[in-house]
Amino acid sequence: MHASKIFTIFLLSLILSACSVFKDKDTIDLNVSAKTLYTQAKKELDSGNYEKAIKRYEALQARYPYGKYSQQAGLELAFAYYKYEEPAPAIAAADRFIKLYPTHPYVDYAYYLKGLADFKDKTNFLERLFNSYDFSDRDPSAALDSFDAFSELVERYPNSDYAEDARLRMAFILESLAVHEIKVAQWYLKIEAYVAAANRAKFVLDNYDRTTSIEDALGLLATVYPKMGLQKLGEDNLRILKLNFPESRYIKGAEKSLAEALAATQASAG
């Protein structure tokens, strides 16, 4: 046999062998009952085999779109996607469940799952926040979406088993969002973009007044306003800073900034 033909046969055998190795052996029998499909999916979910569970829940909903098993599958599918670290489809599944079954006794858990899924994205945001240098381009949208989902849960179902945890996560999100704004303001101050720095610090005062970043915002404003020629605003913020945080680490820097601004004003006047 010609060498080229032998090589071709050998190559084909390798391809067929590879196909058999990588072929998806996780086949699902769609001819079984809804109960059986649900039982199979739940077993995979409880075992931590989230990908297999997802396939079975989706097959159940496609084969039997109505009934109690499909309804329960909708909620558990959202959870499976969340555990499989797929936040977008987890949120989509939770939204679909909320839309289809708004009076379901566990619809509060669907809202909670939405918040958790975005919260996972939010922890990635927080990780970037503290490990990156240039903070000006960070997008906190996942954190805001998570906050909104938890907020809706708390407002609609204040006595839910998940409400207290949602409140704690909301407080944490607000704290981290405030920190984000402060980090950006500090970056702008460092590169002498004073207007941008002041705007970020003021945003914290206006929107995150119940967080621990208020001291940072006041300190930054007391420091940056004199550099913008706004000594009076600098003095006002320094006075408030001293009143509320008499031991603040920002006081000396702010006083120095005011002194330098005053000296510059006097020099230009002389």
C-alpha atoms as a PDB file:
ATOM      1  CA  MET A   1       0.000   0.000   0.000  1.00  0.00           C
ATOM      2  CA  HIS A   2       1.262   3.431  -0.923  1.00  0.00           C
ATOM      3  CA  ALA A   3       2.796   5.355   1.966  1.00  0.00           C
ATOM      4  CA  SER A   4       0.495   8.358   1.470  1.00  0.00           C
ATOM      5  CA  LYS A   5      -2.587   6.136   1.712  1.00  0.00           C
ATOM      6  CA  ILE A   6      -1.269   4.538   4.879  1.00  0.00           C
ATOM      7  CA  PHE A   7      -0.716   8.000   6.366  1.00  0.00           C
ATOM      8  CA  THR A   8      -4.239   9.086   5.356  1.00  0.00           C
ATOM      9  CA  ILE A   9      -5.802   6.028   6.999  1.00  0.00           C
ATOM     10  CA  PHE A  10      -3.684   6.610  10.098  1.00  0.00           C
ATOM     11  CA  LEU A  11      -4.746  10.264  10.245  1.00  0.00           C
ATOM     12  CA  LEU A  12      -8.429   9.377   9.851  1.00  0.00           C
ATOM     13  CA  SER A  13      -8.172   6.818  12.624  1.00  0.00           C
ATOM     14  CA  LEU A  14      -6.669   9.448  14.908  1.00  0.00           C
ATOM     15  CA  ILE A  15      -9.485  11.897  14.124  1.00  0.00           C
ATOM     16  CA  LEU A  16     -12.168   9.283  14.749  1.00  0.00           C
ATOM     17  CA  SER A  17     -10.443   8.251  17.951  1.00  0.00           C
ATOM     18  CA  ALA A  18     -10.315  11.862  19.131  1.00  0.00           C
ATOM     19  CA  CYS A  19     -13.965  12.341  18.315  1.00  0.00           C
ATOM     20  CA  SER A  20     -14.890   9.332  20.390  1.00  0.00           C
ATOM     21  CA  VAL A  21     -12.801  10.612  23.295  1.00  0.00           C
ATOM     22  CA  PHE A  22     -14.247  14.138  23.257  1.00  0.00           C
ATOM     23  CA  LYS A  23     -17.796  13.208  22.361  1.00  0.00           C
ATOM     24  CA  ASP A  24     -20.254  14.387  24.964  1.00  0.00           C
ATOM     25  CA  LYS A  25     -21.409  11.249  26.764  1.00  0.00           C
ATOM     26  CA  ASP A  26     -23.887  13.169  28.926  1.00  0.00           C
ATOM     27  CA  THR A  27     -26.955  12.210  26.950  1.00  0.00           C
ATOM     28  CA  ILE A  28     -30.433  13.058  28.198  1.00  0.00           C
ATOM     29  CA  ASP A  29     -33.459  10.918  27.459  1.00  0.00           C
ATOM     30  CA  LEU A  30     -36.236  13.358  26.623  1.00  0.00           C
ATOM     31  CA  ASN A  31     -38.846  10.576  26.542  1.00  0.00           C
ATOM     32  CA  VAL A  32     -38.918  10.204  30.302  1.00  0.00           C
ATOM     33  CA  SER A  33     -41.469  11.960  32.494  1.00  0.00           C
ATOM     34  CA  ALA A  34     -41.148  15.485  33.855  1.00  0.00           C
ATOM     35  CA  LYS A  35     -40.735  14.025  37.344  1.00  0.00           C
ATOM     36  CA  THR A  36     -37.851  11.822  36.212  1.00  0.00           C
ATOM     37  CA  LEU A  37     -36.074  14.703  34.459  1.00  0.00           C
ATOM     38  CA  TYR A  38     -36.515  16.865  37.539  1.00  0.00           C
ATOM     39  CA  THR A  39     -35.239  14.123  39.839  1.00  0.00           C
ATOM     40  CA  GLN A  40     -32.164  13.667  37.646  1.00  0.00           C
ATOM     41  CA  ALA A  41     -31.472  17.403  37.606  1.00  0.00           C
ATOM     42  CA  LYS A  42     -31.926  17.750  41.359  1.00  0.00           C
ATOM     43  CA  LYS A  43     -29.576  14.827  41.977  1.00  0.00           C
ATOM     44  CA  GLU A  44     -26.865  16.472  39.861  1.00  0.00           C
ATOM     45  CA  LEU A  45     -27.461  19.804  41.597  1.00  0.00           C
ATOM     46  CA  ASP A  46     -27.168  18.296  45.065  1.00  0.00           C
ATOM     47  CA  SER A  47     -23.972  16.513  43.981  1.00  0.00           C
ATOM     48  CA  GLY A  48     -22.395  19.756  42.774  1.00  0.00           C
ATOM     49  CA  ASN A  49     -22.482  18.712  39.124  1.00  0.00           C
ATOM     50  CA  TYR A  50     -23.866  22.060  38.081  1.00  0.00           C
ATOM     51  CA  GLU A  51     -23.263  21.775  34.346  1.00  0.00           C
ATOM     52  CA  LYS A  52     -25.173  18.496  34.163  1.00  0.00           C
ATOM     53  CA  ALA A  53     -27.902  19.902  36.369  1.00  0.00           C
ATOM     54  CA  ILE A  54     -28.257  22.932  34.088  1.00  0.00           C
ATOM     55  CA  LYS A  55     -28.633  20.717  31.010  1.00  0.00           C
ATOM     56  CA  ARG A  56     -31.355  18.668  32.661  1.00  0.00           C
ATOM     57  CA  TYR A  57     -33.269  21.643  34.022  1.00  0.00           C
ATOM     58  CA  GLU A  58     -33.193  23.264  30.594  1.00  0.00           C
ATOM     59  CA  ALA A  59     -34.274  20.016  28.942  1.00  0.00           C
ATOM     60  CA  LEU A  60     -37.135  19.727  31.421  1.00  0.00           C
ATOM     61  CA  GLN A  61     -38.340  23.251  30.721  1.00  0.00           C
ATOM     62  CA  ALA A  62     -38.094  22.713  26.962  1.00  0.00           C
ATOM     63  CA  ARG A  63     -39.869  19.328  27.021  1.00  0.00           C
ATOM     64  CA  TYR A  64     -42.432  20.173  29.703  1.00  0.00           C
ATOM     65  CA  PRO A  65     -42.785  23.991  29.844  1.00  0.00           C
ATOM     66  CA  TYR A  66     -45.779  23.859  32.188  1.00  0.00           C
ATOM     67  CA  GLY A  67     -46.423  22.189  35.513  1.00  0.00           C
ATOM     68  CA  LYS A  68     -44.957  22.105  38.997  1.00  0.00           C
ATOM     69  CA  TYR A  69     -41.678  20.476  38.003  1.00  0.00           C
ATOM     70  CA  SER A  70     -40.903  23.072  35.351  1.00  0.00           C
ATOM     71  CA  GLN A  71     -41.826  25.814  37.797  1.00  0.00           C
ATOM     72  CA  GLN A  72     -39.458  24.523  40.466  1.00  0.00           C
ATOM     73  CA  ALA A  73     -36.807  23.929  37.820  1.00  0.00           C
ATOM     74  CA  GLY A  74     -36.854  27.633  36.967  1.00  0.00           C
ATOM     75  CA  LEU A  75     -35.696  28.629  40.431  1.00  0.00           C
ATOM     76  CA  GLU A  76     -33.167  25.844  40.787  1.00  0.00           C
ATOM     77  CA  LEU A  77     -31.785  26.590  37.338  1.00  0.00           C
ATOM     78  CA  ALA A  78     -30.974  30.125  38.478  1.00  0.00           C
ATOM     79  CA  PHE A  79     -29.204  28.685  41.519  1.00  0.00           C
ATOM     80  CA  ALA A  80     -27.292  26.155  39.388  1.00  0.00           C
ATOM     81  CA  TYR A  81     -26.054  28.907  37.080  1.00  0.00           C
ATOM     82  CA  TYR A  82     -25.040  30.992  40.103  1.00  0.00           C
ATOM     83  CA  LYS A  83     -23.044  28.099  41.574  1.00  0.00           C
ATOM     84  CA  TYR A  84     -21.545  27.385  38.157  1.00  0.00           C
ATOM     85  CA  GLU A  85     -20.265  30.986  38.203  1.00  0.00           C
ATOM     86  CA  GLU A  86     -22.326  32.121  35.251  1.00  0.00           C
ATOM     87  CA  PRO A  87     -23.905  35.327  36.625  1.00  0.00           C
ATOM     88  CA  ALA A  88     -25.591  36.538  33.428  1.00  0.00           C
ATOM     89  CA  PRO A  89     -27.706  33.407  32.793  1.00  0.00           C
ATOM     90  CA  ALA A  90     -28.346  33.132  36.551  1.00  0.00           C
ATOM     91  CA  ILE A  91     -29.851  36.620  36.535  1.00  0.00           C
ATOM     92  CA  ALA A  92     -31.806  35.879  33.348  1.00  0.00           C
ATOM     93  CA  ALA A  93     -33.236  32.696  34.891  1.00  0.00           C
ATOM     94  CA  ALA A  94     -34.164  34.545  38.091  1.00  0.00           C
ATOM     95  CA  ASP A  95     -35.828  37.339  36.102  1.00  0.00           C
ATOM     96  CA  ARG A  96     -37.785  34.807  34.074  1.00  0.00           C
ATOM     97  CA  PHE A  97     -38.962  33.072  37.235  1.00  0.00           C
ATOM     98  CA  ILE A  98     -40.045  36.393  38.789  1.00  0.00           C
ATOM     99  CA  LYS A  99     -41.964  37.328  35.643  1.00  0.00           C
ATOM    100  CA  LEU A 100     -43.707  33.956  35.299  1.00  0.00           C
ATOM    101  CA  TYR A 101     -44.434  33.319  38.978  1.00  0.00           C
ATOM    102  CA  PRO A 102     -44.693  36.677  40.784  1.00  0.00           C
ATOM    103  CA  THR A 103     -46.805  35.187  43.592  1.00  0.00           C
ATOM    104  CA  HIS A 104     -44.696  32.080  44.134  1.00  0.00           C
ATOM    105  CA  PRO A 105     -43.914  31.525  47.843  1.00  0.00           C
ATOM    106  CA  TYR A 106     -40.190  31.515  47.085  1.00  0.00           C
ATOM    107  CA  VAL A 107     -40.071  34.424  44.661  1.00  0.00           C
ATOM    108  CA  ASP A 108     -38.131  36.373  47.316  1.00  0.00           C
ATOM    109  CA  TYR A 109     -35.305  33.888  46.822  1.00  0.00           C
ATOM    110  CA  ALA A 110     -35.263  34.704  43.103  1.00  0.00           C
ATOM    111  CA  TYR A 111     -34.627  38.362  43.958  1.00  0.00           C
ATOM    112  CA  TYR A 112     -31.941  37.270  46.396  1.00  0.00           C
ATOM    113  CA  LEU A 113     -30.255  35.144  43.739  1.00  0.00           C
ATOM    114  CA  LYS A 114     -30.216  38.117  41.368  1.00  0.00           C
ATOM    115  CA  GLY A 115     -28.375  40.129  43.978  1.00  0.00           C
ATOM    116  CA  LEU A 116     -25.953  37.309  44.707  1.00  0.00           C
ATOM    117  CA  ALA A 117     -25.130  36.807  41.038  1.00  0.00           C
ATOM    118  CA  ASP A 118     -24.269  40.480  40.585  1.00  0.00           C
ATOM    119  CA  PHE A 119     -22.521  40.449  43.962  1.00  0.00           C
ATOM    120  CA  LYS A 120     -20.081  37.902  42.571  1.00  0.00           C
ATOM    121  CA  ASP A 121     -19.238  40.337  39.786  1.00  0.00           C
ATOM    122  CA  LYS A 122     -19.039  43.009  42.430  1.00  0.00           C
ATOM    123  CA  THR A 123     -16.378  41.131  44.414  1.00  0.00           C
ATOM    124  CA  ASN A 124     -14.287  41.059  41.251  1.00  0.00           C
ATOM    125  CA  PHE A 125     -14.781  44.820  41.013  1.00  0.00           C
ATOM    126  CA  LEU A 126     -13.658  45.217  44.626  1.00  0.00           C
ATOM    127  CA  GLU A 127     -10.625  43.044  43.993  1.00  0.00           C
ATOM    128  CA  ARG A 128      -9.647  45.300  41.092  1.00  0.00           C
ATOM    129  CA  LEU A 129     -10.353  48.329  43.224  1.00  0.00           C
ATOM    130  CA  PHE A 130      -7.722  47.480  45.808  1.00  0.00           C
ATOM    131  CA  ASN A 131      -5.144  45.892  43.515  1.00  0.00           C
ATOM    132  CA  SER A 132      -5.035  48.357  40.623  1.00  0.00           C
ATOM    133  CA  TYR A 133      -3.342  51.723  40.467  1.00  0.00           C
ATOM    134  CA  ASP A 134      -5.365  53.743  37.993  1.00  0.00           C
ATOM    135  CA  PHE A 135      -8.888  53.723  39.445  1.00  0.00           C
ATOM    136  CA  SER A 136     -10.447  56.274  37.134  1.00  0.00           C
ATOM    137  CA  ASP A 137     -11.777  53.736  34.621  1.00  0.00           C
ATOM    138  CA  ARG A 138     -13.336  51.210  36.979  1.00  0.00           C
ATOM    139  CA  ASP A 139     -16.974  50.368  36.307  1.00  0.00           C
ATOM    140  CA  PRO A 140     -19.056  49.734  39.438  1.00  0.00           C
ATOM    141  CA  SER A 141     -22.209  48.837  37.475  1.00  0.00           C
ATOM    142  CA  ALA A 142     -22.307  45.244  38.768  1.00  0.00           C
ATOM    143  CA  ALA A 143     -22.249  46.556  42.329  1.00  0.00           C
ATOM    144  CA  LEU A 144     -25.113  48.942  41.573  1.00  0.00           C
ATOM    145  CA  ASP A 145     -27.161  46.178  39.950  1.00  0.00           C
ATOM    146  CA  SER A 146     -26.560  43.974  42.969  1.00  0.00           C
ATOM    147  CA  PHE A 147     -27.634  46.771  45.306  1.00  0.00           C
ATOM    148  CA  ASP A 148     -30.817  47.334  43.294  1.00  0.00           C
ATOM    149  CA  ALA A 149     -31.746  43.634  43.411  1.00  0.00           C
ATOM    150  CA  PHE A 150     -31.192  43.419  47.163  1.00  0.00           C
ATOM    151  CA  SER A 151     -33.054  46.698  47.652  1.00  0.00           C
ATOM    152  CA  GLU A 152     -36.066  45.378  45.736  1.00  0.00           C
ATOM    153  CA  LEU A 153     -36.048  42.246  47.872  1.00  0.00           C
ATOM    154  CA  VAL A 154     -35.977  44.259  51.107  1.00  0.00           C
ATOM    155  CA  GLU A 155     -38.716  46.622  49.942  1.00  0.00           C
ATOM    156  CA  ARG A 156     -41.051  43.933  48.645  1.00  0.00           C
ATOM    157  CA  TYR A 157     -40.380  41.302  51.272  1.00  0.00           C
ATOM    158  CA  PRO A 158     -39.030  43.004  54.407  1.00  0.00           C
ATOM    159  CA  ASN A 159     -39.733  39.896  56.509  1.00  0.00           C
ATOM    160  CA  SER A 160     -38.075  37.473  54.115  1.00  0.00           C
ATOM    161  CA  ASP A 161     -35.537  35.020  55.493  1.00  0.00           C
ATOM    162  CA  TYR A 162     -33.054  36.630  53.100  1.00  0.00           C
ATOM    163  CA  ALA A 163     -33.829  40.275  53.915  1.00  0.00           C
ATOM    164  CA  GLU A 164     -31.319  40.703  56.739  1.00  0.00           C
ATOM    165  CA  ASP A 165     -28.447  39.271  54.723  1.00  0.00           C
ATOM    166  CA  ALA A 166     -29.510  41.491  51.808  1.00  0.00           C
ATOM    167  CA  ARG A 167     -29.351  44.557  54.069  1.00  0.00           C
ATOM    168  CA  LEU A 168     -25.841  43.655  55.205  1.00  0.00           C
ATOM    169  CA  ARG A 169     -24.708  43.197  51.621  1.00  0.00           C
ATOM    170  CA  MET A 170     -26.286  46.518  50.643  1.00  0.00           C
ATOM    171  CA  ALA A 171     -24.340  48.285  53.391  1.00  0.00           C
ATOM    172  CA  PHE A 172     -21.144  46.597  52.236  1.00  0.00           C
ATOM    173  CA  ILE A 173     -21.796  47.597  48.628  1.00  0.00           C
ATOM    174  CA  LEU A 174     -22.371  51.229  49.589  1.00  0.00           C
ATOM    175  CA  GLU A 175     -19.131  51.247  51.564  1.00  0.00           C
ATOM    176  CA  SER A 176     -17.177  49.821  48.656  1.00  0.00           C
ATOM    177  CA  LEU A 177     -18.761  52.186  46.135  1.00  0.00           C
ATOM    178  CA  ALA A 178     -17.801  55.106  48.368  1.00  0.00           C
ATOM    179  CA  VAL A 179     -14.256  53.765  48.586  1.00  0.00           C
ATOM    180  CA  HIS A 180     -14.217  53.539  44.809  1.00  0.00           C
ATOM    181  CA  GLU A 181     -15.118  57.212  44.472  1.00  0.00           C
ATOM    182  CA  ILE A 182     -12.499  58.219  47.051  1.00  0.00           C
ATOM    183  CA  LYS A 183      -9.807  56.221  45.252  1.00  0.00           C
ATOM    184  CA  VAL A 184     -10.697  57.943  42.007  1.00  0.00           C
ATOM    185  CA  ALA A 185     -10.662  61.356  43.735  1.00  0.00           C
ATOM    186  CA  GLN A 186      -7.235  60.627  45.210  1.00  0.00           C
ATOM    187  CA  TRP A 187      -5.966  59.648  41.783  1.00  0.00           C
ATOM    188  CA  TYR A 188      -7.231  62.878  40.264  1.00  0.00           C
ATOM    189  CA  LEU A 189      -5.663  64.861  43.106  1.00  0.00           C
ATOM    190  CA  LYS A 190      -2.351  63.155  42.468  1.00  0.00           C
ATOM    191  CA  ILE A 191      -2.352  64.120  38.796  1.00  0.00           C
ATOM    192  CA  GLU A 192      -3.556  67.636  39.725  1.00  0.00           C
ATOM    193  CA  ALA A 193      -6.966  67.268  38.091  1.00  0.00           C
ATOM    194  CA  TYR A 194      -8.485  69.276  40.919  1.00  0.00           C
ATOM    195  CA  VAL A 195     -11.981  69.849  39.544  1.00  0.00           C
ATOM    196  CA  ALA A 196     -12.449  66.139  38.867  1.00  0.00           C
ATOM    197  CA  ALA A 197     -11.103  65.294  42.332  1.00  0.00           C
ATOM    198  CA  ALA A 198     -13.495  67.741  43.990  1.00  0.00           C
ATOM    199  CA  ASN A 199     -16.458  66.418  42.008  1.00  0.00           C
ATOM    200  CA  ARG A 200     -15.752  62.834  43.076  1.00  0.00           C
ATOM    201  CA  ALA A 201     -15.346  63.789  46.736  1.00  0.00           C
ATOM    202  CA  LYS A 202     -18.525  65.846  46.678  1.00  0.00           C
ATOM    203  CA  PHE A 203     -20.360  62.930  45.095  1.00  0.00           C
ATOM    204  CA  VAL A 204     -19.478  60.865  48.160  1.00  0.00           C
ATOM    205  CA  LEU A 205     -20.851  63.550  50.475  1.00  0.00           C
ATOM    206  CA  ASP A 206     -24.074  63.749  48.492  1.00  0.00           C
ATOM    207  CA  ASN A 207     -24.675  60.043  47.906  1.00  0.00           C
ATOM    208  CA  TYR A 208     -22.797  58.023  50.520  1.00  0.00           C
ATOM    209  CA  ASP A 209     -23.246  60.155  53.613  1.00  0.00           C
ATOM    210  CA  ARG A 210     -23.758  57.107  55.840  1.00  0.00           C
ATOM    211  CA  THR A 211     -20.471  55.454  54.991  1.00  0.00           C
ATOM    212  CA  THR A 212     -17.066  55.690  56.621  1.00  0.00           C
ATOM    213  CA  SER A 213     -15.715  57.483  53.548  1.00  0.00           C
ATOM    214  CA  ILE A 214     -17.230  60.802  54.676  1.00  0.00           C
ATOM    215  CA  GLU A 215     -14.008  61.668  56.494  1.00  0.00           C
ATOM    216  CA  ASP A 216     -12.034  61.053  53.291  1.00  0.00           C
ATOM    217  CA  ALA A 217     -14.428  63.183  51.257  1.00  0.00           C
ATOM    218  CA  LEU A 218     -14.241  66.116  53.666  1.00  0.00           C
ATOM    219  CA  GLY A 219     -10.466  65.831  53.892  1.00  0.00           C
ATOM    220  CA  LEU A 220     -10.065  65.767  50.130  1.00  0.00           C
ATOM    221  CA  LEU A 221     -12.355  68.761  49.654  1.00  0.00           C
ATOM    222  CA  ALA A 222     -10.561  70.725  52.368  1.00  0.00           C
ATOM    223  CA  THR A 223      -7.299  69.947  50.543  1.00  0.00           C
ATOM    224  CA  VAL A 224      -8.331  70.437  46.932  1.00  0.00           C
ATOM    225  CA  TYR A 225     -10.537  73.541  47.143  1.00  0.00           C
ATOM    226  CA  PRO A 226      -7.652  75.871  48.115  1.00  0.00           C
ATOM    227  CA  LYS A 227      -5.691  74.530  45.127  1.00  0.00           C
ATOM    228  CA  MET A 228      -8.601  75.662  42.958  1.00  0.00           C
ATOM    229  CA  GLY A 229      -8.569  79.140  44.496  1.00  0.00           C
ATOM    230  CA  LEU A 230     -11.649  78.404  46.594  1.00  0.00           C
ATOM    231  CA  GLN A 231     -10.206  79.086  50.030  1.00  0.00           C
ATOM    232  CA  LYS A 232     -13.566  79.743  51.677  1.00  0.00           C
ATOM    233  CA  LEU A 233     -14.915  76.346  50.652  1.00  0.00           C
ATOM    234  CA  GLY A 234     -11.677  74.778  51.814  1.00  0.00           C
ATOM    235  CA  GLU A 235     -12.013  76.446  55.213  1.00  0.00           C
ATOM    236  CA  ASP A 236     -15.636  75.354  55.533  1.00  0.00           C
ATOM    237  CA  ASN A 237     -14.820  71.724  54.828  1.00  0.00           C
ATOM    238  CA  LEU A 238     -11.813  71.816  57.142  1.00  0.00           C
ATOM    239  CA  ARG A 239     -13.975  73.188  59.947  1.00  0.00           C
ATOM    240  CA  ILE A 240     -16.541  70.398  59.456  1.00  0.00           C
ATOM    241  CA  LEU A 241     -13.741  67.847  59.275  1.00  0.00           C
ATOM    242  CA  LYS A 242     -12.236  69.003  62.575  1.00  0.00           C
ATOM    243  CA  LEU A 243     -15.647  69.062  64.226  1.00  0.00           C
ATOM    244  CA  ASN A 244     -16.538  65.500  63.255  1.00  0.00           C
ATOM    245  CA  PHE A 245     -13.097  63.913  62.977  1.00  0.00           C
ATOM    246  CA  PRO A 246     -10.747  65.847  65.295  1.00  0.00           C
ATOM    247  CA  GLU A 247      -7.997  63.245  64.887  1.00  0.00           C
ATOM    248  CA  SER A 248      -8.282  63.006  61.108  1.00  0.00           C
ATOM    249  CA  ARG A 249      -5.111  62.304  59.152  1.00  0.00           C
ATOM    250  CA  TYR A 250      -6.262  64.880  56.580  1.00  0.00           C
ATOM    251  CA  ILE A 251      -6.115  67.907  58.872  1.00  0.00           C
ATOM    252  CA  LYS A 252      -2.416  68.724  58.515  1.00  0.00           C
ATOM    253  CA  GLY A 253      -2.500  68.345  54.740  1.00  0.00           C
ATOM    254  CA  ALA A 254      -5.573  70.529  54.445  1.00  0.00           C
ATOM    255  CA  GLU A 255      -4.063  73.212  56.683  1.00  0.00           C
ATOM    256  CA  LYS A 256      -0.914  73.151  54.567  1.00  0.00           C
ATOM    257  CA  SER A 257      -2.977  73.479  51.382  1.00  0.00           C
ATOM    258  CA  LEU A 258      -4.833  76.489  52.829  1.00  0.00           C
ATOM    259  CA  ALA A 259      -1.587  78.113  53.992  1.00  0.00           C
ATOM    260  CA  GLU A 260      -0.020  77.696  50.558  1.00  0.00           C
ATOM    261  CA  ALA A 261      -3.094  79.157  48.874  1.00  0.00           C
ATOM    262  CA  LEU A 262      -3.085  82.139  51.248  1.00  0.00           C
ATOM    263  CA  ALA A 263       0.627  82.736  50.658  1.00  0.00           C
ATOM    264  CA  ALA A 264       0.105  82.609  46.901  1.00  0.00           C
ATOM    265  CA  THR A 265      -2.782  85.077  47.156  1.00  0.00           C
ATOM    266  CA  GLN A 266      -0.709  87.496  49.244  1.00  0.00           C
ATOM    267  CA  ALA A 267       2.249  87.199  46.900  1.00  0.00           C
ATOM    268  CA  SER A 268       0.130  87.997  43.869  1.00  0.00           C
ATOM    269  CA  ALA A 269      -1.470  90.919  45.690  1.00  0.00           C
ATOM    270  CA  GLY A 270       1.926  92.306  46.716  1.00  0.00           C
END
